[in-house]
Amino acid sequence: MAKSMTGYGRSEVIDNERKFLVELKSVNNRYLDINIRMPRQFNPFEAKIRAELKKYMVRGKVDVFIGYEDLAEQGVAVRYNKKLAEEYMAHLNEIAADFGIVNNITASGLSGFPDVFTMEHVEEDEAMLWEPLSRALNEAAEQFAKARTAEGQFITDDLISKLDEMQESVDYIEMRAPQIITAYRERLREKVTEMLGDSHLDESRIMQEVVIYSDKICIDEELVRLHSHIRATKDALLSEDSVGRKLDFLAQEMNREANTILSKSDDVISADKAIELKTMIEKIREQIQNIE
């Protein structure tokens, strides 16, 4: 089943008091373009993340947001800067000596000086981070893929409906083609009879003109190719593969055949049907731009 290039997926995983959030959203694009926003500590996983996502998508502009929160502050540690504390203490003693006062600084007081104690993030084990992150990533990607498949079903149904309308127009043009030749032969016979009166009609000459006219307006090849392209488009829509580019090519080919039929048409009704064909093909081409 054809898939849409538009989708959304979200997953939140809480593991050992750590929260991992992954959001995916995509729009149409000619190629696959994955843009990832994530915390710095996940940078080593970028190649893995891209590899995982490519299992679920082939085309589209995909924005990926990854959030992380340590609920228990497990990745934070307090660091004591002993050297800086010694400098503070030395200067305080120097001040006491200079002014003849008592240095009554306490440990807790000294600890309040800037940067004596600092909070630092402790690097976490990559393996401990990757397992829950990959779980959230795959859950979001599964949801994302389901959304694309569901929308793809709606698009497929709409396209098949339009293709059926196209098929009706092609069948009508094909059915009318012999009638156009017959009508031309009758008009030609009437004109010749009007010009010659009761004189003998040269039936072979009339048939020769009819053959020349038939060859000029013949659209058999175009009709055969249109039948083939419509079938191929329906088959592609029901395929499990990425078919967006193929469908775009088929739509271009159908438009080419419809243009040729219109240019050869010497019949108002057939010309109207050819215009309807072109209009329907243009609608199909617009819809195909949404397919992966």
C-alpha atoms as a PDB file:
ATOM      1  CA  MET A   1       0.000   0.000   0.000  1.00  0.00           C
ATOM      2  CA  ALA A   2       1.345   3.440  -0.933  1.00  0.00           C
ATOM      3  CA  LYS A   3       2.386   5.597   2.012  1.00  0.00           C
ATOM      4  CA  SER A   4       1.995   9.320   2.521  1.00  0.00           C
ATOM      5  CA  MET A   5       5.080  11.453   3.135  1.00  0.00           C
ATOM      6  CA  THR A   6       3.218  13.347   5.864  1.00  0.00           C
ATOM      7  CA  GLY A   7       3.219  11.788   9.324  1.00  0.00           C
ATOM      8  CA  TYR A   8       3.636  12.274  13.058  1.00  0.00           C
ATOM      9  CA  GLY A   9       4.831  10.018  15.853  1.00  0.00           C
ATOM     10  CA  ARG A  10       5.607  10.520  19.538  1.00  0.00           C
ATOM     11  CA  SER A  11       6.917   8.320  22.317  1.00  0.00           C
ATOM     12  CA  GLU A  12       7.923   8.878  25.931  1.00  0.00           C
ATOM     13  CA  VAL A  13       9.917   6.270  27.871  1.00  0.00           C
ATOM     14  CA  ILE A  14      10.772   6.512  31.584  1.00  0.00           C
ATOM     15  CA  ASP A  15      13.639   4.238  32.565  1.00  0.00           C
ATOM     16  CA  ASN A  16      15.403   4.254  35.954  1.00  0.00           C
ATOM     17  CA  GLU A  17      14.078   7.744  36.763  1.00  0.00           C
ATOM     18  CA  ARG A  18      15.201   9.102  33.387  1.00  0.00           C
ATOM     19  CA  LYS A  19      12.719  10.355  30.804  1.00  0.00           C
ATOM     20  CA  PHE A  20      13.330  10.008  27.077  1.00  0.00           C
ATOM     21  CA  LEU A  21      11.047  11.833  24.617  1.00  0.00           C
ATOM     22  CA  VAL A  22      11.086  11.355  20.835  1.00  0.00           C
ATOM     23  CA  GLU A  23       8.885  13.246  18.361  1.00  0.00           C
ATOM     24  CA  LEU A  24       8.848  12.771  14.576  1.00  0.00           C
ATOM     25  CA  LYS A  25       7.017  14.830  11.979  1.00  0.00           C
ATOM     26  CA  SER A  26       7.446  14.987   8.219  1.00  0.00           C
ATOM     27  CA  VAL A  27       6.313  16.778   5.083  1.00  0.00           C
ATOM     28  CA  ASN A  28       6.812  16.191   1.369  1.00  0.00           C
ATOM     29  CA  ASN A  29      10.307  16.230  -0.067  1.00  0.00           C
ATOM     30  CA  ARG A  30      11.943  14.850  -3.170  1.00  0.00           C
ATOM     31  CA  TYR A  31      14.524  12.917  -1.151  1.00  0.00           C
ATOM     32  CA  LEU A  32      14.959  11.779   2.464  1.00  0.00           C
ATOM     33  CA  ASP A  33      16.111  14.688   4.624  1.00  0.00           C
ATOM     34  CA  ILE A  34      16.380  13.934   8.363  1.00  0.00           C
ATOM     35  CA  ASN A  35      16.972  16.864  10.715  1.00  0.00           C
ATOM     36  CA  ILE A  36      17.726  15.909  14.348  1.00  0.00           C
ATOM     37  CA  ARG A  37      17.621  18.121  17.441  1.00  0.00           C
ATOM     38  CA  MET A  38      18.882  16.422  20.596  1.00  0.00           C
ATOM     39  CA  PRO A  39      20.907  16.996  23.796  1.00  0.00           C
ATOM     40  CA  ARG A  40      24.683  17.066  23.490  1.00  0.00           C
ATOM     41  CA  GLN A  41      25.180  13.747  25.295  1.00  0.00           C
ATOM     42  CA  PHE A  42      23.308  11.950  22.501  1.00  0.00           C
ATOM     43  CA  ASN A  43      25.638  13.169  19.732  1.00  0.00           C
ATOM     44  CA  PRO A  44      27.561   9.850  19.633  1.00  0.00           C
ATOM     45  CA  PHE A  45      24.275   8.123  18.696  1.00  0.00           C
ATOM     46  CA  GLU A  46      23.481  10.253  15.624  1.00  0.00           C
ATOM     47  CA  ALA A  47      24.588   7.642  13.071  1.00  0.00           C
ATOM     48  CA  LYS A  48      22.633   4.927  14.927  1.00  0.00           C
ATOM     49  CA  ILE A  49      19.538   7.143  15.099  1.00  0.00           C
ATOM     50  CA  ARG A  50      19.639   7.825  11.357  1.00  0.00           C
ATOM     51  CA  ALA A  51      20.123   4.127  10.609  1.00  0.00           C
ATOM     52  CA  GLU A  52      17.104   3.217  12.750  1.00  0.00           C
ATOM     53  CA  LEU A  53      14.878   5.858  11.141  1.00  0.00           C
ATOM     54  CA  LYS A  54      15.784   4.770   7.608  1.00  0.00           C
ATOM     55  CA  LYS A  55      14.098   1.442   8.363  1.00  0.00           C
ATOM     56  CA  TYR A  56      10.775   3.295   8.485  1.00  0.00           C
ATOM     57  CA  MET A  57      11.058   5.910   5.727  1.00  0.00           C
ATOM     58  CA  VAL A  58      12.473   6.436   2.249  1.00  0.00           C
ATOM     59  CA  ARG A  59      11.424   9.968   1.281  1.00  0.00           C
ATOM     60  CA  GLY A  60      10.285  13.141   3.026  1.00  0.00           C
ATOM     61  CA  LYS A  61      11.635  16.006   5.110  1.00  0.00           C
ATOM     62  CA  VAL A  62      11.640  14.561   8.639  1.00  0.00           C
ATOM     63  CA  ASP A  63      12.150  16.654  11.768  1.00  0.00           C
ATOM     64  CA  VAL A  64      13.264  14.656  14.818  1.00  0.00           C
ATOM     65  CA  PHE A  65      13.168  16.095  18.338  1.00  0.00           C
ATOM     66  CA  ILE A  66      14.773  14.137  21.173  1.00  0.00           C
ATOM     67  CA  GLY A  67      14.374  15.285  24.764  1.00  0.00           C
ATOM     68  CA  TYR A  68      15.999  13.924  27.914  1.00  0.00           C
ATOM     69  CA  GLU A  69      15.392  14.579  31.600  1.00  0.00           C
ATOM     70  CA  ASP A  70      17.176  13.058  34.579  1.00  0.00           C
ATOM     71  CA  LEU A  71      14.368  13.019  37.168  1.00  0.00           C
ATOM     72  CA  ALA A  72      16.641  11.973  40.050  1.00  0.00           C
ATOM     73  CA  GLU A  73      19.622  14.131  39.006  1.00  0.00           C
ATOM     74  CA  GLN A  74      21.682  10.952  38.783  1.00  0.00           C
ATOM     75  CA  GLY A  75      24.057  12.480  36.292  1.00  0.00           C
ATOM     76  CA  VAL A  76      25.070  15.387  38.561  1.00  0.00           C
ATOM     77  CA  ALA A  77      27.956  15.484  41.050  1.00  0.00           C
ATOM     78  CA  VAL A  78      29.373  18.111  43.458  1.00  0.00           C
ATOM     79  CA  ARG A  79      33.015  19.028  42.906  1.00  0.00           C
ATOM     80  CA  TYR A  80      35.199  20.646  45.635  1.00  0.00           C
ATOM     81  CA  ASN A  81      37.855  23.046  44.340  1.00  0.00           C
ATOM     82  CA  LYS A  82      40.482  22.706  47.078  1.00  0.00           C
ATOM     83  CA  LYS A  83      43.042  24.928  45.390  1.00  0.00           C
ATOM     84  CA  LEU A  84      40.565  27.781  45.053  1.00  0.00           C
ATOM     85  CA  ALA A  85      39.513  27.380  48.715  1.00  0.00           C
ATOM     86  CA  GLU A  86      43.192  27.584  49.778  1.00  0.00           C
ATOM     87  CA  GLU A  87      43.571  30.835  47.846  1.00  0.00           C
ATOM     88  CA  TYR A  88      40.445  32.280  49.465  1.00  0.00           C
ATOM     89  CA  MET A  89      41.748  31.270  52.917  1.00  0.00           C
ATOM     90  CA  ALA A  90      45.203  32.717  52.264  1.00  0.00           C
ATOM     91  CA  HIS A  91      43.750  36.049  51.230  1.00  0.00           C
ATOM     92  CA  LEU A  92      41.422  36.119  54.251  1.00  0.00           C
ATOM     93  CA  ASN A  93      44.378  35.479  56.580  1.00  0.00           C
ATOM     94  CA  GLU A  94      46.279  38.234  54.806  1.00  0.00           C
ATOM     95  CA  ILE A  95      43.383  40.645  55.372  1.00  0.00           C
ATOM     96  CA  ALA A  96      43.245  39.668  59.082  1.00  0.00           C
ATOM     97  CA  ALA A  97      46.984  40.329  59.453  1.00  0.00           C
ATOM     98  CA  ASP A  98      46.843  43.655  57.629  1.00  0.00           C
ATOM     99  CA  PHE A  99      44.045  45.041  59.773  1.00  0.00           C
ATOM    100  CA  GLY A 100      44.751  43.267  63.060  1.00  0.00           C
ATOM    101  CA  ILE A 101      41.457  41.482  63.131  1.00  0.00           C
ATOM    102  CA  VAL A 102      40.452  37.885  63.785  1.00  0.00           C
ATOM    103  CA  ASN A 103      39.796  35.614  60.824  1.00  0.00           C
ATOM    104  CA  ASN A 104      36.736  33.753  62.068  1.00  0.00           C
ATOM    105  CA  ILE A 105      35.815  32.113  58.791  1.00  0.00           C
ATOM    106  CA  THR A 106      34.136  28.692  59.136  1.00  0.00           C
ATOM    107  CA  ALA A 107      34.105  25.751  56.736  1.00  0.00           C
ATOM    108  CA  SER A 108      30.489  26.393  55.833  1.00  0.00           C
ATOM    109  CA  GLY A 109      31.243  30.062  55.291  1.00  0.00           C
ATOM    110  CA  LEU A 110      34.210  29.273  53.056  1.00  0.00           C
ATOM    111  CA  SER A 111      32.110  26.809  51.062  1.00  0.00           C
ATOM    112  CA  GLY A 112      29.776  29.672  50.115  1.00  0.00           C
ATOM    113  CA  PHE A 113      32.465  31.513  48.208  1.00  0.00           C
ATOM    114  CA  PRO A 114      32.067  31.381  44.398  1.00  0.00           C
ATOM    115  CA  ASP A 115      33.169  28.147  42.708  1.00  0.00           C
ATOM    116  CA  VAL A 116      34.453  26.427  45.853  1.00  0.00           C
ATOM    117  CA  PHE A 117      31.651  23.911  45.248  1.00  0.00           C
ATOM    118  CA  THR A 118      30.424  23.381  41.684  1.00  0.00           C
ATOM    119  CA  MET A 119      27.808  21.098  40.109  1.00  0.00           C
ATOM    120  CA  GLU A 120      29.063  18.965  37.257  1.00  0.00           C
ATOM    121  CA  HIS A 121      27.352  16.587  34.852  1.00  0.00           C
ATOM    122  CA  VAL A 122      28.797  13.112  35.010  1.00  0.00           C
ATOM    123  CA  GLU A 123      29.196  11.322  31.698  1.00  0.00           C
ATOM    124  CA  GLU A 124      26.782   8.388  31.654  1.00  0.00           C
ATOM    125  CA  ASP A 125      27.433   4.969  30.227  1.00  0.00           C
ATOM    126  CA  GLU A 126      26.447   5.047  26.534  1.00  0.00           C
ATOM    127  CA  ALA A 127      24.973   1.551  26.698  1.00  0.00           C
ATOM    128  CA  MET A 128      22.720   2.608  29.581  1.00  0.00           C
ATOM    129  CA  LEU A 129      21.464   5.569  27.538  1.00  0.00           C
ATOM    130  CA  TRP A 130      21.073   3.864  24.154  1.00  0.00           C
ATOM    131  CA  GLU A 131      18.700   1.059  25.208  1.00  0.00           C
ATOM    132  CA  PRO A 132      15.837   3.289  26.471  1.00  0.00           C
ATOM    133  CA  LEU A 133      16.545   5.899  23.786  1.00  0.00           C
ATOM    134  CA  SER A 134      16.309   3.315  20.996  1.00  0.00           C
ATOM    135  CA  ARG A 135      13.097   2.002  22.549  1.00  0.00           C
ATOM    136  CA  ALA A 136      11.528   5.473  22.488  1.00  0.00           C
ATOM    137  CA  LEU A 137      12.865   6.064  18.975  1.00  0.00           C
ATOM    138  CA  ASN A 138      11.359   2.863  17.588  1.00  0.00           C
ATOM    139  CA  GLU A 139       8.015   3.375  19.325  1.00  0.00           C
ATOM    140  CA  ALA A 140       7.757   6.880  17.856  1.00  0.00           C
ATOM    141  CA  ALA A 141       8.828   5.586  14.434  1.00  0.00           C
ATOM    142  CA  GLU A 142       6.206   2.816  14.542  1.00  0.00           C
ATOM    143  CA  GLN A 143       3.502   5.365  15.337  1.00  0.00           C
ATOM    144  CA  PHE A 144       4.903   7.633  12.624  1.00  0.00           C
ATOM    145  CA  ALA A 145       4.812   4.809  10.050  1.00  0.00           C
ATOM    146  CA  LYS A 146       1.211   3.910  10.973  1.00  0.00           C
ATOM    147  CA  ALA A 147       0.142   7.535  10.490  1.00  0.00           C
ATOM    148  CA  ARG A 148       1.798   7.610   7.067  1.00  0.00           C
ATOM    149  CA  THR A 149       0.172   4.313   6.084  1.00  0.00           C
ATOM    150  CA  ALA A 150      -3.288   5.484   7.202  1.00  0.00           C
ATOM    151  CA  GLU A 151      -3.039   8.697   5.201  1.00  0.00           C
ATOM    152  CA  GLY A 152      -1.566   6.721   2.309  1.00  0.00           C
ATOM    153  CA  GLN A 153      -4.735   4.593   2.283  1.00  0.00           C
ATOM    154  CA  PHE A 154      -6.921   7.696   1.878  1.00  0.00           C
ATOM    155  CA  ILE A 155      -4.709   8.993  -0.925  1.00  0.00           C
ATOM    156  CA  THR A 156      -4.714   5.583  -2.646  1.00  0.00           C
ATOM    157  CA  ASP A 157      -8.513   5.354  -2.522  1.00  0.00           C
ATOM    158  CA  ASP A 158      -8.819   8.860  -3.965  1.00  0.00           C
ATOM    159  CA  LEU A 159      -6.310   8.155  -6.741  1.00  0.00           C
ATOM    160  CA  ILE A 160      -7.947   4.868  -7.736  1.00  0.00           C
ATOM    161  CA  SER A 161     -11.291   6.673  -7.938  1.00  0.00           C
ATOM    162  CA  LYS A 162      -9.727   9.281 -10.236  1.00  0.00           C
ATOM    163  CA  LEU A 163      -8.041   6.572 -12.313  1.00  0.00           C
ATOM    164  CA  ASP A 164     -11.424   4.857 -12.773  1.00  0.00           C
ATOM    165  CA  GLU A 165     -12.842   8.146 -14.074  1.00  0.00           C
ATOM    166  CA  MET A 166      -9.887   8.406 -16.434  1.00  0.00           C
ATOM    167  CA  GLN A 167     -10.513   4.870 -17.635  1.00  0.00           C
ATOM    168  CA  GLU A 168     -14.119   5.763 -18.457  1.00  0.00           C
ATOM    169  CA  SER A 169     -12.966   8.753 -20.516  1.00  0.00           C
ATOM    170  CA  VAL A 170     -10.382   6.648 -22.367  1.00  0.00           C
ATOM    171  CA  ASP A 171     -12.985   3.958 -23.071  1.00  0.00           C
ATOM    172  CA  TYR A 172     -15.397   6.592 -24.403  1.00  0.00           C
ATOM    173  CA  ILE A 173     -12.763   8.114 -26.723  1.00  0.00           C
ATOM    174  CA  GLU A 174     -11.861   4.616 -27.934  1.00  0.00           C
ATOM    175  CA  MET A 175     -15.511   3.764 -28.565  1.00  0.00           C
ATOM    176  CA  ARG A 176     -16.128   7.023 -30.424  1.00  0.00           C
ATOM    177  CA  ALA A 177     -13.077   6.805 -32.723  1.00  0.00           C
ATOM    178  CA  PRO A 178     -14.773   4.563 -35.391  1.00  0.00           C
ATOM    179  CA  GLN A 179     -17.849   6.812 -35.348  1.00  0.00           C
ATOM    180  CA  ILE A 180     -15.667   9.804 -36.221  1.00  0.00           C
ATOM    181  CA  ILE A 181     -14.335   7.987 -39.294  1.00  0.00           C
ATOM    182  CA  THR A 182     -17.854   6.976 -40.358  1.00  0.00           C
ATOM    183  CA  ALA A 183     -19.132  10.521 -39.891  1.00  0.00           C
ATOM    184  CA  TYR A 184     -16.214  11.890 -41.929  1.00  0.00           C
ATOM    185  CA  ARG A 185     -16.917   9.420 -44.762  1.00  0.00           C
ATOM    186  CA  GLU A 186     -20.565  10.460 -44.839  1.00  0.00           C
ATOM    187  CA  ARG A 187     -19.714  14.161 -44.839  1.00  0.00           C
ATOM    188  CA  LEU A 188     -17.190  13.635 -47.613  1.00  0.00           C
ATOM    189  CA  ARG A 189     -19.710  11.650 -49.672  1.00  0.00           C
ATOM    190  CA  GLU A 190     -22.319  14.395 -49.226  1.00  0.00           C
ATOM    191  CA  LYS A 191     -19.890  17.103 -50.329  1.00  0.00           C
ATOM    192  CA  VAL A 192     -18.760  15.164 -53.388  1.00  0.00           C
ATOM    193  CA  THR A 193     -22.381  14.384 -54.328  1.00  0.00           C
ATOM    194  CA  GLU A 194     -23.285  18.044 -53.913  1.00  0.00           C
ATOM    195  CA  MET A 195     -20.404  19.071 -56.183  1.00  0.00           C
ATOM    196  CA  LEU A 196     -20.887  16.409 -58.885  1.00  0.00           C
ATOM    197  CA  GLY A 197     -24.651  16.161 -58.839  1.00  0.00           C
ATOM    198  CA  ASP A 198     -25.845  13.010 -60.589  1.00  0.00           C
ATOM    199  CA  SER A 199     -22.399  12.131 -61.939  1.00  0.00           C
ATOM    200  CA  HIS A 200     -20.868   8.798 -60.999  1.00  0.00           C
ATOM    201  CA  LEU A 201     -19.087   8.846 -57.601  1.00  0.00           C
ATOM    202  CA  ASP A 202     -15.534   7.484 -57.493  1.00  0.00           C
ATOM    203  CA  GLU A 203     -15.921   5.301 -54.418  1.00  0.00           C
ATOM    204  CA  SER A 204     -12.259   4.335 -54.400  1.00  0.00           C
ATOM    205  CA  ARG A 205     -11.220   7.973 -54.296  1.00  0.00           C
ATOM    206  CA  ILE A 206     -13.518   8.602 -51.350  1.00  0.00           C
ATOM    207  CA  MET A 207     -12.069   5.597 -49.531  1.00  0.00           C
ATOM    208  CA  GLN A 208      -8.554   6.835 -50.223  1.00  0.00           C
ATOM    209  CA  GLU A 209      -9.377  10.185 -48.605  1.00  0.00           C
ATOM    210  CA  VAL A 210     -10.967   8.384 -45.672  1.00  0.00           C
ATOM    211  CA  VAL A 211      -7.818   6.301 -45.183  1.00  0.00           C
ATOM    212  CA  ILE A 212      -5.632   9.421 -45.232  1.00  0.00           C
ATOM    213  CA  TYR A 213      -7.929  11.113 -42.720  1.00  0.00           C
ATOM    214  CA  SER A 214      -8.004   7.997 -40.521  1.00  0.00           C
ATOM    215  CA  ASP A 215      -4.232   7.856 -40.428  1.00  0.00           C
ATOM    216  CA  LYS A 216      -4.038  11.543 -39.542  1.00  0.00           C
ATOM    217  CA  ILE A 217      -6.333  11.260 -36.522  1.00  0.00           C
ATOM    218  CA  CYS A 218      -5.371   7.726 -35.456  1.00  0.00           C
ATOM    219  CA  ILE A 219      -4.862   7.547 -31.683  1.00  0.00           C
ATOM    220  CA  ASP A 220      -4.686   3.769 -31.270  1.00  0.00           C
ATOM    221  CA  GLU A 221      -1.145   3.820 -29.872  1.00  0.00           C
ATOM    222  CA  GLU A 222      -1.972   6.598 -27.421  1.00  0.00           C
ATOM    223  CA  LEU A 223      -5.054   4.757 -26.179  1.00  0.00           C
ATOM    224  CA  VAL A 224      -3.134   1.503 -25.729  1.00  0.00           C
ATOM    225  CA  ARG A 225      -0.442   3.302 -23.726  1.00  0.00           C
ATOM    226  CA  LEU A 226      -3.046   5.078 -21.589  1.00  0.00           C
ATOM    227  CA  HIS A 227      -4.693   1.748 -20.764  1.00  0.00           C
ATOM    228  CA  SER A 228      -1.263   0.392 -19.806  1.00  0.00           C
ATOM    229  CA  HIS A 229      -0.297   3.435 -17.705  1.00  0.00           C
ATOM    230  CA  ILE A 230      -3.587   3.380 -15.780  1.00  0.00           C
ATOM    231  CA  ARG A 231      -3.108  -0.307 -14.935  1.00  0.00           C
ATOM    232  CA  ALA A 232       0.532   0.281 -13.968  1.00  0.00           C
ATOM    233  CA  THR A 233      -0.442   3.191 -11.708  1.00  0.00           C
ATOM    234  CA  LYS A 234      -3.063   1.101  -9.904  1.00  0.00           C
ATOM    235  CA  ASP A 235      -0.586  -1.748  -9.442  1.00  0.00           C
ATOM    236  CA  ALA A 236       2.044   0.632  -8.069  1.00  0.00           C
ATOM    237  CA  LEU A 237      -0.422   2.129  -5.590  1.00  0.00           C
ATOM    238  CA  LEU A 238      -1.045  -1.329  -4.137  1.00  0.00           C
ATOM    239  CA  SER A 239       2.672  -2.107  -3.887  1.00  0.00           C
ATOM    240  CA  GLU A 240       4.521  -2.127  -0.567  1.00  0.00           C
ATOM    241  CA  ASP A 241       7.517  -0.332  -2.072  1.00  0.00           C
ATOM    242  CA  SER A 242       8.292   3.375  -2.247  1.00  0.00           C
ATOM    243  CA  VAL A 243       6.527   4.303  -5.497  1.00  0.00           C
ATOM    244  CA  GLY A 244       6.271   8.102  -5.461  1.00  0.00           C
ATOM    245  CA  ARG A 245       8.896   8.673  -8.168  1.00  0.00           C
ATOM    246  CA  LYS A 246       7.467   5.911 -10.351  1.00  0.00           C
ATOM    247  CA  LEU A 247       3.956   7.351 -10.044  1.00  0.00           C
ATOM    248  CA  ASP A 248       5.222  10.802 -10.953  1.00  0.00           C
ATOM    249  CA  PHE A 249       6.818   9.369 -14.107  1.00  0.00           C
ATOM    250  CA  LEU A 250       3.610   7.523 -15.049  1.00  0.00           C
ATOM    251  CA  ALA A 251       1.571  10.713 -14.562  1.00  0.00           C
ATOM    252  CA  GLN A 252       3.927  12.568 -16.914  1.00  0.00           C
ATOM    253  CA  GLU A 253       3.529   9.830 -19.514  1.00  0.00           C
ATOM    254  CA  MET A 254      -0.274   9.874 -19.201  1.00  0.00           C
ATOM    255  CA  ASN A 255      -0.256  13.633 -19.651  1.00  0.00           C
ATOM    256  CA  ARG A 256       1.876  13.241 -22.786  1.00  0.00           C
ATOM    257  CA  GLU A 257      -0.609  10.768 -24.316  1.00  0.00           C
ATOM    258  CA  ALA A 258      -3.581  12.987 -23.424  1.00  0.00           C
ATOM    259  CA  ASN A 259      -1.874  15.960 -25.110  1.00  0.00           C
ATOM    260  CA  THR A 260      -1.316  13.920 -28.275  1.00  0.00           C
ATOM    261  CA  ILE A 261      -4.947  12.753 -28.329  1.00  0.00           C
ATOM    262  CA  LEU A 262      -6.127  16.347 -27.935  1.00  0.00           C
ATOM    263  CA  SER A 263      -3.846  17.588 -30.723  1.00  0.00           C
ATOM    264  CA  LYS A 264      -5.105  14.866 -33.118  1.00  0.00           C
ATOM    265  CA  SER A 265      -8.752  15.244 -32.196  1.00  0.00           C
ATOM    266  CA  ASP A 266     -11.021  16.509 -34.973  1.00  0.00           C
ATOM    267  CA  ASP A 267     -14.168  15.929 -32.956  1.00  0.00           C
ATOM    268  CA  VAL A 268     -15.602  18.312 -30.376  1.00  0.00           C
ATOM    269  CA  ILE A 269     -16.886  15.581 -28.059  1.00  0.00           C
ATOM    270  CA  SER A 270     -13.599  13.655 -28.115  1.00  0.00           C
ATOM    271  CA  ALA A 271     -11.675  16.884 -27.565  1.00  0.00           C
ATOM    272  CA  ASP A 272     -13.820  17.643 -24.504  1.00  0.00           C
ATOM    273  CA  LYS A 273     -13.072  14.178 -23.154  1.00  0.00           C
ATOM    274  CA  ALA A 274      -9.345  14.690 -23.779  1.00  0.00           C
ATOM    275  CA  ILE A 275      -9.501  17.964 -21.827  1.00  0.00           C
ATOM    276  CA  GLU A 276     -11.264  16.113 -18.996  1.00  0.00           C
ATOM    277  CA  LEU A 277      -8.444  13.570 -19.105  1.00  0.00           C
ATOM    278  CA  LYS A 278      -5.789  16.282 -18.791  1.00  0.00           C
ATOM    279  CA  THR A 279      -7.673  17.889 -15.887  1.00  0.00           C
ATOM    280  CA  MET A 280      -7.919  14.558 -14.061  1.00  0.00           C
ATOM    281  CA  ILE A 281      -4.246  13.764 -14.706  1.00  0.00           C
ATOM    282  CA  GLU A 282      -3.236  17.126 -13.230  1.00  0.00           C
ATOM    283  CA  LYS A 283      -5.245  16.346 -10.087  1.00  0.00           C
ATOM    284  CA  ILE A 284      -3.559  12.954  -9.893  1.00  0.00           C
ATOM    285  CA  ARG A 285      -0.111  14.533 -10.269  1.00  0.00           C
ATOM    286  CA  GLU A 286      -0.815  16.910  -7.400  1.00  0.00           C
ATOM    287  CA  GLN A 287      -1.927  14.057  -5.161  1.00  0.00           C
ATOM    288  CA  ILE A 288       1.051  11.905  -6.123  1.00  0.00           C
ATOM    289  CA  GLN A 289       3.399  14.556  -4.674  1.00  0.00           C
ATOM    290  CA  ASN A 290       2.207  13.379  -1.239  1.00  0.00           C
ATOM    291  CA  ILE A 291       3.246   9.750  -1.775  1.00  0.00           C
ATOM    292  CA  GLU A 292       6.535   8.347  -0.517  1.00  0.00           C
END
